Amino acid sequence: MEKSLNLLLLLSLFPMLLSAQKMGYVDTEYILNKHPDYKKIQEEMQAVSSEWRKEAQNLEEEIQQMYSDLQGEQVLLTDEMYQERLELIRKKQQEARSFNNRIFGENGQLYQKQSELLQPLQSTIYDAIDRVAKRNGLAILFDKASSPTAIIYTDPVHDYSDFIIEELGLEENN
């Protein structure tokens, strides 16, 4: 009875074993680095970031100068004048914090600019991934770059990144 139950279980699992899903992975970081538009996006992001960092640095320098001036003139100021100047410095510090949060904070303008610039390229790459996966009959395709813990071992035979680069019409040596 036990043997026939095991045989029945094995026979019921047999179709699932035959229809095992084909899987593969891509490395979107590798693909992005091969794409010439990504280099342009990186350069534009660097320029924008540098400009905003310079603005932030200028605000900090202005605060330091205000504080230095206050220290130098402290003996000449009344307590009331000293407190007014301190308040101006505090307001400028708050302005600098606000600027940094608005530009560099979570979901700040720098993040939004990067998303805006990358979105068309990511869509193009996703469409190429979709075509390659369908053409190769893949049921599951992992992104090696998305999470360091998602894949702990990969056999290079399952790497479809170069197929995506080919699908995008990019040269292998970019």
N, C-alpha and C. Protein backbone atom coordinates (compact mmCIF):
# COMPACT_ATOMS: atom_id res chain seq x y z
N MET A 1 0.82 -1.18 0.00
CA MET A 1 0.00 0.00 0.00
C MET A 1 0.88 1.27 0.00
N GLU A 2 1.93 1.25 0.84
CA GLU A 2 2.81 2.41 0.93
C GLU A 2 3.56 2.62 -0.39
N LYS A 3 3.98 1.52 -1.05
CA LYS A 3 4.67 1.61 -2.32
C LYS A 3 3.76 2.20 -3.39
N SER A 4 2.53 1.80 -3.42
CA SER A 4 1.61 2.33 -4.43
C SER A 4 1.30 3.81 -4.15
N LEU A 5 1.27 4.20 -2.89
CA LEU A 5 1.05 5.61 -2.54
C LEU A 5 2.24 6.45 -3.00
N ASN A 6 3.47 5.96 -2.78
CA ASN A 6 4.67 6.65 -3.24
C ASN A 6 4.70 6.73 -4.77
N LEU A 7 4.32 5.66 -5.44
CA LEU A 7 4.28 5.65 -6.90
C LEU A 7 3.24 6.64 -7.41
N LEU A 8 2.09 6.68 -6.77
CA LEU A 8 1.04 7.62 -7.15
C LEU A 8 1.51 9.07 -6.95
N LEU A 9 2.19 9.32 -5.85
CA LEU A 9 2.74 10.65 -5.58
C LEU A 9 3.78 11.03 -6.63
N LEU A 10 4.66 10.10 -6.96
CA LEU A 10 5.69 10.34 -7.97
C LEU A 10 5.06 10.60 -9.33
N LEU A 11 4.06 9.83 -9.70
CA LEU A 11 3.39 10.03 -10.98
C LEU A 11 2.65 11.37 -11.03
N SER A 12 2.12 11.79 -9.90
CA SER A 12 1.42 13.09 -9.88
C SER A 12 2.41 14.25 -9.99
N LEU A 13 3.63 14.05 -9.51
CA LEU A 13 4.64 15.09 -9.59
C LEU A 13 5.39 15.10 -10.93
N PHE A 14 5.32 14.00 -11.67
CA PHE A 14 6.04 13.85 -12.92
C PHE A 14 5.76 14.97 -13.92
N PRO A 15 4.49 15.35 -14.17
CA PRO A 15 4.25 16.45 -15.12
C PRO A 15 4.90 17.77 -14.68
N MET A 16 4.92 18.02 -13.38
CA MET A 16 5.55 19.26 -12.90
C MET A 16 7.06 19.22 -13.13
N LEU A 17 7.66 18.04 -12.97
CA LEU A 17 9.09 17.92 -13.20
C LEU A 17 9.43 18.14 -14.67
N LEU A 18 8.57 17.65 -15.56
CA LEU A 18 8.81 17.82 -16.99
C LEU A 18 8.61 19.26 -17.43
N SER A 19 7.73 19.96 -16.73
CA SER A 19 7.45 21.34 -17.14
C SER A 19 8.19 22.34 -16.27
N ALA A 20 9.38 21.98 -15.84
CA ALA A 20 10.18 22.90 -15.03
C ALA A 20 10.38 24.21 -15.80
N GLN A 21 10.26 25.27 -15.08
CA GLN A 21 10.36 26.58 -15.69
C GLN A 21 11.81 26.95 -15.97
N LYS A 22 12.03 27.57 -17.10
CA LYS A 22 13.36 28.01 -17.47
C LYS A 22 13.62 29.36 -16.81
N MET A 23 14.80 29.50 -16.19
CA MET A 23 15.14 30.72 -15.48
C MET A 23 16.49 31.24 -15.95
N GLY A 24 16.70 32.51 -15.69
CA GLY A 24 17.98 33.13 -16.01
C GLY A 24 18.12 34.39 -15.19
N TYR A 25 19.19 35.11 -15.41
CA TYR A 25 19.37 36.37 -14.71
C TYR A 25 20.06 37.37 -15.62
N VAL A 26 19.90 38.62 -15.30
CA VAL A 26 20.62 39.70 -15.97
C VAL A 26 21.24 40.57 -14.89
N ASP A 27 22.19 41.35 -15.32
CA ASP A 27 22.83 42.30 -14.41
C ASP A 27 22.55 43.69 -15.00
N THR A 28 21.52 44.36 -14.48
CA THR A 28 21.13 45.65 -15.05
C THR A 28 22.21 46.71 -14.85
N GLU A 29 23.01 46.58 -13.81
CA GLU A 29 24.11 47.53 -13.61
C GLU A 29 25.12 47.39 -14.74
N TYR A 30 25.43 46.17 -15.10
CA TYR A 30 26.33 45.88 -16.22
C TYR A 30 25.75 46.43 -17.52
N ILE A 31 24.47 46.20 -17.73
CA ILE A 31 23.80 46.67 -18.95
C ILE A 31 23.81 48.19 -19.00
N LEU A 32 23.46 48.83 -17.89
CA LEU A 32 23.47 50.30 -17.85
C LEU A 32 24.86 50.85 -18.17
N ASN A 33 25.89 50.25 -17.61
CA ASN A 33 27.25 50.73 -17.83
C ASN A 33 27.71 50.54 -19.28
N LYS A 34 27.07 49.64 -20.02
CA LYS A 34 27.38 49.44 -21.43
C LYS A 34 26.65 50.44 -22.32
N HIS A 35 25.60 51.06 -21.81
CA HIS A 35 24.76 51.95 -22.62
C HIS A 35 25.34 53.36 -22.65
N PRO A 36 25.57 53.92 -23.85
CA PRO A 36 26.16 55.26 -23.94
C PRO A 36 25.26 56.35 -23.34
N ASP A 37 23.96 56.18 -23.38
CA ASP A 37 23.06 57.18 -22.78
C ASP A 37 23.24 57.26 -21.27
N TYR A 38 23.61 56.15 -20.64
CA TYR A 38 23.81 56.13 -19.20
C TYR A 38 25.00 57.02 -18.81
N LYS A 39 26.04 56.98 -19.62
CA LYS A 39 27.20 57.84 -19.37
C LYS A 39 26.80 59.31 -19.46
N LYS A 40 25.95 59.65 -20.42
CA LYS A 40 25.47 61.03 -20.57
C LYS A 40 24.63 61.43 -19.36
N ILE A 41 23.80 60.52 -18.90
CA ILE A 41 22.96 60.79 -17.72
C ILE A 41 23.83 61.00 -16.50
N GLN A 42 24.85 60.16 -16.34
CA GLN A 42 25.77 60.32 -15.21
C GLN A 42 26.48 61.67 -15.25
N GLU A 43 26.90 62.08 -16.44
CA GLU A 43 27.58 63.38 -16.57
C GLU A 43 26.63 64.52 -16.23
N GLU A 44 25.39 64.45 -16.71
CA GLU A 44 24.41 65.49 -16.40
C GLU A 44 24.11 65.52 -14.90
N MET A 45 23.98 64.34 -14.29
CA MET A 45 23.72 64.28 -12.85
C MET A 45 24.90 64.85 -12.07
N GLN A 46 26.11 64.58 -12.52
CA GLN A 46 27.30 65.11 -11.86
C GLN A 46 27.31 66.63 -11.93
N ALA A 47 26.95 67.18 -13.08
CA ALA A 47 26.92 68.64 -13.25
C ALA A 47 25.87 69.28 -12.34
N VAL A 48 24.68 68.69 -12.33
CA VAL A 48 23.60 69.22 -11.50
C VAL A 48 23.97 69.11 -10.02
N SER A 49 24.50 67.96 -9.64
CA SER A 49 24.90 67.71 -8.26
C SER A 49 25.98 68.69 -7.83
N SER A 50 26.97 68.91 -8.69
CA SER A 50 28.06 69.85 -8.36
C SER A 50 27.52 71.26 -8.14
N GLU A 51 26.60 71.66 -8.99
CA GLU A 51 26.01 73.00 -8.87
C GLU A 51 25.29 73.15 -7.53
N TRP A 52 24.48 72.15 -7.18
CA TRP A 52 23.74 72.21 -5.91
C TRP A 52 24.68 72.11 -4.71
N ARG A 53 25.72 71.29 -4.82
CA ARG A 53 26.69 71.19 -3.71
C ARG A 53 27.43 72.52 -3.51
N LYS A 54 27.71 73.19 -4.62
CA LYS A 54 28.37 74.49 -4.52
C LYS A 54 27.45 75.50 -3.82
N GLU A 55 26.16 75.47 -4.15
CA GLU A 55 25.20 76.35 -3.48
C GLU A 55 25.17 76.06 -1.98
N ALA A 56 25.15 74.78 -1.62
CA ALA A 56 25.14 74.39 -0.21
C ALA A 56 26.42 74.86 0.48
N GLN A 57 27.54 74.71 -0.20
CA GLN A 57 28.82 75.14 0.36
C GLN A 57 28.84 76.66 0.54
N ASN A 58 28.29 77.39 -0.42
CA ASN A 58 28.23 78.85 -0.30
C ASN A 58 27.40 79.27 0.90
N LEU A 59 26.29 78.58 1.13
CA LEU A 59 25.46 78.87 2.31
C LEU A 59 26.26 78.64 3.60
N GLU A 60 26.99 77.54 3.66
CA GLU A 60 27.79 77.23 4.84
C GLU A 60 28.90 78.27 5.05
N GLU A 61 29.53 78.68 3.96
CA GLU A 61 30.57 79.70 4.06
C GLU A 61 30.00 81.04 4.53
N GLU A 62 28.80 81.35 4.04
CA GLU A 62 28.13 82.59 4.46
C GLU A 62 27.83 82.56 5.96
N ILE A 63 27.40 81.42 6.44
CA ILE A 63 27.12 81.26 7.87
C ILE A 63 28.40 81.42 8.68
N GLN A 64 29.47 80.78 8.22
CA GLN A 64 30.76 80.89 8.91
C GLN A 64 31.25 82.35 8.94
N GLN A 65 31.06 83.05 7.82
CA GLN A 65 31.47 84.45 7.76
C GLN A 65 30.63 85.30 8.72
N MET A 66 29.33 85.04 8.76
CA MET A 66 28.46 85.78 9.68
C MET A 66 28.89 85.55 11.12
N TYR A 67 29.19 84.31 11.45
CA TYR A 67 29.61 83.97 12.82
C TYR A 67 30.96 84.63 13.14
N SER A 68 31.87 84.58 12.16
CA SER A 68 33.19 85.20 12.35
C SER A 68 33.05 86.71 12.55
N ASP A 69 32.21 87.34 11.74
CA ASP A 69 31.97 88.78 11.89
C ASP A 69 31.39 89.09 13.27
N LEU A 70 30.47 88.25 13.70
CA LEU A 70 29.85 88.45 15.02
C LEU A 70 30.90 88.36 16.12
N GLN A 71 31.77 87.39 16.02
CA GLN A 71 32.83 87.24 17.02
C GLN A 71 33.75 88.46 17.06
N GLY A 72 34.06 88.97 15.87
CA GLY A 72 34.95 90.12 15.79
C GLY A 72 34.33 91.40 16.31
N GLU A 73 33.01 91.52 16.17
CA GLU A 73 32.32 92.75 16.57
C GLU A 73 31.63 92.62 17.93
N GLN A 74 31.77 91.51 18.56
CA GLN A 74 31.04 91.22 19.80
C GLN A 74 31.23 92.30 20.87
N VAL A 75 32.43 92.79 21.03
CA VAL A 75 32.69 93.78 22.09
C VAL A 75 32.03 95.12 21.78
N LEU A 76 31.72 95.36 20.51
CA LEU A 76 31.11 96.63 20.11
C LEU A 76 29.58 96.60 20.14
N LEU A 77 29.00 95.41 20.29
CA LEU A 77 27.54 95.25 20.19
C LEU A 77 26.89 95.21 21.57
N THR A 78 25.69 95.75 21.63
CA THR A 78 24.89 95.60 22.85
C THR A 78 24.37 94.17 22.89
N ASP A 79 23.87 93.75 24.04
CA ASP A 79 23.31 92.40 24.16
C ASP A 79 22.17 92.20 23.17
N GLU A 80 21.36 93.22 23.00
CA GLU A 80 20.23 93.14 22.08
C GLU A 80 20.71 92.97 20.64
N MET A 81 21.71 93.75 20.25
CA MET A 81 22.27 93.64 18.90
C MET A 81 22.93 92.28 18.68
N TYR A 82 23.62 91.81 19.70
CA TYR A 82 24.28 90.49 19.63
C TYR A 82 23.23 89.39 19.42
N GLN A 83 22.14 89.44 20.19
CA GLN A 83 21.07 88.45 20.07
C GLN A 83 20.40 88.52 18.70
N GLU A 84 20.23 89.71 18.15
CA GLU A 84 19.64 89.86 16.81
C GLU A 84 20.52 89.19 15.76
N ARG A 85 21.82 89.43 15.88
CA ARG A 85 22.77 88.82 14.94
C ARG A 85 22.77 87.29 15.08
N LEU A 86 22.72 86.81 16.31
CA LEU A 86 22.65 85.36 16.54
C LEU A 86 21.39 84.78 15.90
N GLU A 87 20.30 85.49 16.02
CA GLU A 87 19.04 85.04 15.43
C GLU A 87 19.16 84.99 13.91
N LEU A 88 19.81 85.97 13.31
CA LEU A 88 20.03 85.95 11.85
C LEU A 88 20.87 84.74 11.43
N ILE A 89 21.87 84.44 12.24
CA ILE A 89 22.71 83.26 11.95
C ILE A 89 21.88 81.99 12.06
N ARG A 90 21.04 81.89 13.08
CA ARG A 90 20.18 80.70 13.25
C ARG A 90 19.23 80.55 12.07
N LYS A 91 18.68 81.68 11.60
CA LYS A 91 17.77 81.63 10.44
C LYS A 91 18.52 81.16 9.20
N LYS A 92 19.73 81.63 9.03
CA LYS A 92 20.55 81.23 7.88
C LYS A 92 20.90 79.74 7.98
N GLN A 93 21.18 79.26 9.21
CA GLN A 93 21.46 77.84 9.40
C GLN A 93 20.22 77.00 9.06
N GLN A 94 19.05 77.48 9.47
CA GLN A 94 17.81 76.77 9.15
C GLN A 94 17.58 76.76 7.64
N GLU A 95 17.87 77.88 6.99
CA GLU A 95 17.75 77.97 5.54
C GLU A 95 18.68 76.96 4.86
N ALA A 96 19.89 76.82 5.37
CA ALA A 96 20.85 75.87 4.81
C ALA A 96 20.37 74.43 5.01
N ARG A 97 19.85 74.12 6.21
CA ARG A 97 19.31 72.77 6.46
C ARG A 97 18.13 72.48 5.54
N SER A 98 17.27 73.45 5.39
CA SER A 98 16.10 73.31 4.53
C SER A 98 16.52 73.06 3.08
N PHE A 99 17.51 73.83 2.62
CA PHE A 99 18.04 73.65 1.26
C PHE A 99 18.59 72.24 1.08
N ASN A 100 19.42 71.80 2.03
CA ASN A 100 20.01 70.47 1.93
C ASN A 100 18.95 69.38 1.92
N ASN A 101 17.93 69.50 2.76
CA ASN A 101 16.85 68.52 2.78
C ASN A 101 16.06 68.53 1.47
N ARG A 102 15.77 69.72 0.97
CA ARG A 102 14.98 69.85 -0.26
C ARG A 102 15.74 69.29 -1.46
N ILE A 103 17.05 69.49 -1.50
CA ILE A 103 17.85 69.05 -2.64
C ILE A 103 18.37 67.63 -2.47
N PHE A 104 19.02 67.35 -1.34
CA PHE A 104 19.73 66.09 -1.16
C PHE A 104 18.99 65.08 -0.28
N GLY A 105 17.87 65.48 0.32
CA GLY A 105 17.14 64.59 1.22
C GLY A 105 16.45 63.47 0.47
N GLU A 106 15.86 62.58 1.25
CA GLU A 106 15.10 61.47 0.68
C GLU A 106 14.00 62.04 -0.20
N ASN A 107 13.92 61.57 -1.43
CA ASN A 107 12.98 62.08 -2.43
C ASN A 107 13.19 63.56 -2.73
N GLY A 108 14.41 64.04 -2.55
CA GLY A 108 14.75 65.43 -2.85
C GLY A 108 14.88 65.65 -4.35
N GLN A 109 15.18 66.87 -4.71
CA GLN A 109 15.26 67.24 -6.12
C GLN A 109 16.34 66.46 -6.87
N LEU A 110 17.44 66.15 -6.20
CA LEU A 110 18.49 65.37 -6.86
C LEU A 110 17.98 63.96 -7.20
N TYR A 111 17.29 63.33 -6.27
CA TYR A 111 16.70 62.01 -6.51
C TYR A 111 15.66 62.07 -7.63
N GLN A 112 14.82 63.11 -7.60
CA GLN A 112 13.78 63.26 -8.62
C GLN A 112 14.39 63.49 -10.00
N LYS A 113 15.45 64.28 -10.07
CA LYS A 113 16.13 64.54 -11.34
C LYS A 113 16.72 63.25 -11.89
N GLN A 114 17.33 62.46 -11.02
CA GLN A 114 17.91 61.19 -11.45
C GLN A 114 16.83 60.26 -11.98
N SER A 115 15.72 60.18 -11.28
CA SER A 115 14.61 59.33 -11.73
C SER A 115 14.08 59.80 -13.07
N GLU A 116 13.94 61.10 -13.22
CA GLU A 116 13.44 61.69 -14.47
C GLU A 116 14.36 61.35 -15.64
N LEU A 117 15.65 61.43 -15.42
CA LEU A 117 16.61 61.16 -16.49
C LEU A 117 16.73 59.66 -16.80
N LEU A 118 16.65 58.82 -15.77
CA LEU A 118 16.84 57.37 -15.96
C LEU A 118 15.59 56.65 -16.48
N GLN A 119 14.41 57.19 -16.24
CA GLN A 119 13.17 56.49 -16.55
C GLN A 119 13.08 56.04 -18.02
N PRO A 120 13.36 56.91 -19.00
CA PRO A 120 13.28 56.44 -20.39
C PRO A 120 14.27 55.31 -20.70
N LEU A 121 15.48 55.41 -20.18
CA LEU A 121 16.49 54.38 -20.40
C LEU A 121 16.07 53.07 -19.73
N GLN A 122 15.56 53.16 -18.51
CA GLN A 122 15.10 51.96 -17.81
C GLN A 122 13.95 51.29 -18.57
N SER A 123 13.06 52.08 -19.13
CA SER A 123 11.95 51.52 -19.91
C SER A 123 12.46 50.80 -21.15
N THR A 124 13.44 51.39 -21.82
CA THR A 124 14.03 50.77 -23.01
C THR A 124 14.68 49.44 -22.64
N ILE A 125 15.42 49.42 -21.54
CA ILE A 125 16.08 48.20 -21.09
C ILE A 125 15.05 47.15 -20.67
N TYR A 126 14.01 47.58 -19.96
CA TYR A 126 12.97 46.63 -19.56
C TYR A 126 12.30 46.01 -20.78
N ASP A 127 12.02 46.82 -21.80
CA ASP A 127 11.40 46.28 -23.02
C ASP A 127 12.31 45.26 -23.69
N ALA A 128 13.63 45.52 -23.71
CA ALA A 128 14.58 44.57 -24.28
C ALA A 128 14.63 43.29 -23.45
N ILE A 129 14.58 43.44 -22.13
CA ILE A 129 14.55 42.27 -21.24
C ILE A 129 13.31 41.43 -21.52
N ASP A 130 12.18 42.10 -21.66
CA ASP A 130 10.93 41.41 -21.94
C ASP A 130 11.02 40.62 -23.25
N ARG A 131 11.56 41.24 -24.31
CA ARG A 131 11.67 40.55 -25.60
C ARG A 131 12.62 39.35 -25.51
N VAL A 132 13.76 39.52 -24.85
CA VAL A 132 14.73 38.42 -24.72
C VAL A 132 14.13 37.28 -23.90
N ALA A 133 13.46 37.61 -22.81
CA ALA A 133 12.86 36.57 -21.96
C ALA A 133 11.82 35.78 -22.74
N LYS A 134 10.99 36.46 -23.51
CA LYS A 134 9.96 35.77 -24.31
C LYS A 134 10.59 34.94 -25.41
N ARG A 135 11.58 35.49 -26.09
CA ARG A 135 12.24 34.79 -27.19
C ARG A 135 12.95 33.52 -26.69
N ASN A 136 13.48 33.56 -25.47
CA ASN A 136 14.21 32.41 -24.92
C ASN A 136 13.34 31.52 -24.04
N GLY A 137 12.05 31.81 -23.97
CA GLY A 137 11.13 30.98 -23.21
C GLY A 137 11.42 30.98 -21.71
N LEU A 138 11.83 32.11 -21.19
CA LEU A 138 12.17 32.20 -19.77
C LEU A 138 10.91 32.50 -18.95
N ALA A 139 10.74 31.77 -17.89
CA ALA A 139 9.62 32.04 -16.99
C ALA A 139 10.02 33.03 -15.91
N ILE A 140 11.25 32.95 -15.49
CA ILE A 140 11.75 33.81 -14.42
C ILE A 140 13.11 34.35 -14.84
N LEU A 141 13.29 35.65 -14.63
CA LEU A 141 14.56 36.30 -14.93
C LEU A 141 14.89 37.21 -13.77
N PHE A 142 15.95 36.92 -13.07
CA PHE A 142 16.34 37.69 -11.91
C PHE A 142 17.26 38.84 -12.33
N ASP A 143 17.27 39.89 -11.53
CA ASP A 143 18.21 40.98 -11.73
C ASP A 143 19.29 40.85 -10.67
N LYS A 144 20.48 40.50 -11.09
CA LYS A 144 21.61 40.30 -10.19
C LYS A 144 21.97 41.58 -9.44
N ALA A 145 21.75 42.74 -10.07
CA ALA A 145 22.14 44.02 -9.48
C ALA A 145 21.12 44.56 -8.48
N SER A 146 19.92 44.01 -8.44
CA SER A 146 18.87 44.62 -7.62
C SER A 146 19.05 44.42 -6.13
N SER A 147 19.63 43.32 -5.73
CA SER A 147 19.80 43.08 -4.31
C SER A 147 20.96 42.12 -4.10
N PRO A 148 21.88 42.48 -3.23
CA PRO A 148 23.03 41.60 -3.04
C PRO A 148 22.67 40.26 -2.42
N THR A 149 21.55 40.15 -1.74
CA THR A 149 21.17 38.89 -1.11
C THR A 149 20.20 38.08 -1.96
N ALA A 150 19.76 38.61 -3.09
CA ALA A 150 18.77 37.91 -3.91
C ALA A 150 19.37 36.67 -4.55
N ILE A 151 20.62 36.72 -4.96
CA ILE A 151 21.26 35.58 -5.61
C ILE A 151 22.61 35.37 -4.92
N ILE A 152 22.78 34.18 -4.38
CA ILE A 152 24.06 33.92 -3.71
C ILE A 152 25.02 33.14 -4.60
N TYR A 153 24.50 32.49 -5.62
CA TYR A 153 25.35 31.80 -6.59
C TYR A 153 24.67 31.85 -7.94
N THR A 154 25.45 32.12 -8.98
CA THR A 154 24.91 32.09 -10.34
C THR A 154 25.90 31.42 -11.26
N ASP A 155 25.38 30.63 -12.14
CA ASP A 155 26.18 30.01 -13.18
C ASP A 155 26.14 30.94 -14.38
N PRO A 156 27.29 31.38 -14.88
CA PRO A 156 27.31 32.34 -15.98
C PRO A 156 26.54 31.89 -17.23
N VAL A 157 26.31 30.60 -17.35
CA VAL A 157 25.55 30.11 -18.51
C VAL A 157 24.12 30.69 -18.51
N HIS A 158 23.65 31.12 -17.35
CA HIS A 158 22.29 31.67 -17.24
C HIS A 158 22.26 33.20 -17.32
N ASP A 159 23.39 33.83 -17.58
CA ASP A 159 23.45 35.29 -17.66
C ASP A 159 23.01 35.75 -19.05
N TYR A 160 21.91 36.46 -19.09
CA TYR A 160 21.36 36.95 -20.35
C TYR A 160 21.67 38.43 -20.59
N SER A 161 22.56 39.00 -19.81
CA SER A 161 22.88 40.43 -19.94
C SER A 161 23.38 40.78 -21.34
N ASP A 162 24.26 39.95 -21.91
CA ASP A 162 24.78 40.25 -23.24
C ASP A 162 23.70 40.16 -24.31
N PHE A 163 22.70 39.30 -24.10
CA PHE A 163 21.58 39.24 -25.03
C PHE A 163 20.79 40.56 -25.01
N ILE A 164 20.66 41.15 -23.82
CA ILE A 164 19.96 42.42 -23.69
C ILE A 164 20.75 43.51 -24.39
N ILE A 165 22.07 43.51 -24.20
CA ILE A 165 22.93 44.50 -24.87
C ILE A 165 22.82 44.35 -26.38
N GLU A 166 22.80 43.11 -26.85
CA GLU A 166 22.64 42.85 -28.28
C GLU A 166 21.26 43.33 -28.75
N GLU A 167 20.24 43.07 -27.95
CA GLU A 167 18.88 43.49 -28.29
C GLU A 167 18.78 45.01 -28.38
N LEU A 168 19.54 45.70 -27.55
CA LEU A 168 19.56 47.16 -27.56
C LEU A 168 20.43 47.71 -28.70
N GLY A 169 21.15 46.82 -29.39
CA GLY A 169 22.00 47.25 -30.50
C GLY A 169 23.28 47.90 -30.03
N LEU A 170 23.72 47.56 -28.83
CA LEU A 170 24.95 48.14 -28.30
C LEU A 170 26.12 47.22 -28.60
N GLU A 171 27.27 47.82 -28.82
CA GLU A 171 28.45 47.03 -29.09
C GLU A 171 28.95 46.38 -27.82
N GLU A 172 29.57 45.25 -27.94
CA GLU A 172 30.10 44.50 -26.80
C GLU A 172 31.22 45.24 -26.09
N ASN A 173 31.98 46.07 -26.78
CA ASN A 173 33.16 46.71 -26.17
C ASN A 173 32.92 48.15 -25.74
N ASN A 174 31.69 48.57 -25.47
CA ASN A 174 31.42 49.94 -24.99
C ASN A 174 31.92 50.12 -23.59
